[in-house]
Amino acid sequence: MKDVRVNNPLSLGTISYAANNVEGLIVKDKNGSTSYLRNSPSIEMRVTHVNGKKYHMYFDTVIIENNILKGARSRFIQGLNREISMDSIAKIEVQDGGKKFKYQN
């Protein structure tokens, strides 16, 4: 993990949090074509449980620790995290949510 800052699109200032070091992902679209998706603070992840329930988190906060997927659900409320057992996951989808978050130097 590394400490990062992103702009706060709702007001002035920045938001700080710990992000993973993943540079990007090779992803497959619904037609089966693969492409490279560069990691950014606007990449969102949707996890579907085997029971069909869906959960969202920001991809750059996601880590796997002891067979548990952990990630942040909000940029604005620190500590609002989700933990999901890898055994209960049926599908993981990622997308650029189009939010105006950008890493700050």
Protein backbone atom coordinates (compact mmCIF):
# COMPACT_ATOMS: atom_id res chain seq x y z
CA MET A 1 0.00 0.00 0.00
CA LYS A 2 1.05 3.58 -0.58
CA ASP A 3 -0.33 6.86 0.71
CA VAL A 4 -2.03 8.90 -2.02
CA ARG A 5 -4.00 12.11 -2.34
CA VAL A 6 -6.83 12.76 -4.78
CA ASN A 7 -8.74 15.91 -5.55
CA ASN A 8 -12.09 16.35 -3.85
CA PRO A 9 -14.56 17.06 -6.69
CA LEU A 10 -17.20 18.28 -4.21
CA SER A 11 -15.09 21.04 -2.69
CA LEU A 12 -11.61 22.46 -2.42
CA GLY A 13 -8.85 20.37 -0.94
CA THR A 14 -7.78 16.78 -1.23
CA ILE A 15 -8.66 13.34 0.15
CA SER A 16 -5.88 11.10 1.51
CA TYR A 17 -5.98 7.31 1.80
CA ALA A 18 -3.88 4.17 1.39
CA ALA A 19 -3.98 2.73 -2.14
CA ASN A 20 -2.67 -0.52 -3.59
CA ASN A 21 0.32 -0.56 -5.95
CA VAL A 22 -1.50 -2.20 -8.88
CA GLU A 23 -0.64 -0.30 -12.06
CA GLY A 24 -3.39 -1.80 -14.18
CA LEU A 25 -5.40 -4.86 -15.18
CA ILE A 26 -5.90 -6.95 -18.26
CA VAL A 27 -9.70 -7.04 -18.52
CA LYS A 28 -12.22 -8.80 -20.72
CA ASP A 29 -15.32 -6.99 -21.97
CA LYS A 30 -18.77 -8.55 -22.45
CA ASN A 31 -17.79 -9.56 -26.02
CA GLY A 32 -14.70 -11.42 -24.81
CA SER A 33 -12.16 -8.88 -26.09
CA THR A 34 -9.24 -8.13 -23.80
CA SER A 35 -7.72 -4.73 -23.12
CA TYR A 36 -5.55 -2.98 -20.55
CA LEU A 37 -7.28 -0.85 -17.91
CA ARG A 38 -4.90 1.51 -16.13
CA ASN A 39 -5.58 1.87 -12.40
CA SER A 40 -6.91 5.26 -11.28
CA PRO A 41 -8.98 6.61 -8.39
CA SER A 42 -12.12 6.51 -10.56
CA ILE A 43 -11.99 2.72 -11.20
CA GLU A 44 -14.87 1.02 -9.42
CA MET A 45 -15.27 -2.65 -8.64
CA ARG A 46 -18.53 -4.60 -8.32
CA VAL A 47 -18.38 -7.93 -6.50
CA THR A 48 -21.26 -10.39 -6.92
CA HIS A 49 -21.76 -13.03 -4.22
CA VAL A 50 -22.87 -16.55 -5.08
CA ASN A 51 -26.31 -15.57 -3.68
CA GLY A 52 -26.57 -12.71 -6.24
CA LYS A 53 -26.01 -9.83 -3.81
CA LYS A 54 -23.73 -7.09 -5.21
CA TYR A 55 -21.25 -4.85 -3.42
CA HIS A 56 -19.22 -1.87 -4.70
CA MET A 57 -15.78 -0.58 -3.75
CA TYR A 58 -12.98 1.48 -5.24
CA PHE A 59 -10.44 -0.73 -7.01
CA ASP A 60 -7.33 1.18 -5.90
CA THR A 61 -8.17 0.41 -2.25
CA VAL A 62 -8.66 -3.34 -2.72
CA ILE A 63 -6.29 -5.90 -1.20
CA ILE A 64 -6.55 -9.63 -0.53
CA GLU A 65 -5.51 -10.73 2.94
CA ASN A 66 -6.01 -14.24 4.37
CA ASN A 67 -8.56 -15.18 1.66
CA ILE A 68 -10.56 -11.99 2.40
CA LEU A 69 -11.07 -9.26 -0.21
CA LYS A 70 -10.96 -5.86 1.51
CA GLY A 71 -11.75 -2.46 0.03
CA ALA A 72 -13.17 1.02 0.65
CA ARG A 73 -16.77 1.82 -0.22
CA SER A 74 -16.38 5.61 0.00
CA ARG A 75 -13.78 8.28 -0.68
CA PHE A 76 -15.49 10.74 1.68
CA ILE A 77 -16.13 8.60 4.77
CA GLN A 78 -12.87 7.11 5.98
CA GLY A 79 -13.16 3.64 7.50
CA LEU A 80 -16.28 2.68 5.52
CA ASN A 81 -14.79 -0.59 4.28
CA ARG A 82 -16.11 -3.93 3.09
CA GLU A 83 -14.63 -7.39 3.70
CA ILE A 84 -15.73 -10.33 1.54
CA SER A 85 -14.60 -13.94 1.71
CA MET A 86 -13.04 -15.01 -1.60
CA ASP A 87 -15.01 -18.28 -1.36
CA SER A 88 -18.31 -16.38 -1.57
CA ILE A 89 -17.50 -14.44 -4.76
CA ALA A 90 -19.20 -15.47 -8.01
CA LYS A 91 -18.02 -12.59 -10.22
CA ILE A 92 -15.90 -9.43 -10.11
CA GLU A 93 -16.46 -6.57 -12.56
CA VAL A 94 -14.45 -3.36 -12.92
CA GLN A 95 -15.28 -0.14 -14.74
CA ASP A 96 -14.18 3.44 -14.95
CA GLY A 97 -16.99 5.14 -13.06
CA GLY A 98 -16.28 8.45 -14.79
CA LYS A 99 -15.96 10.28 -11.50
CA LYS A 100 -13.58 13.23 -11.57
CA PHE A 101 -11.08 11.84 -9.06
CA LYS A 102 -7.42 12.36 -10.03
CA TYR A 103 -4.24 11.55 -8.15
CA GLN A 104 -2.47 14.67 -6.83
CA ASN A 105 1.34 15.05 -6.69
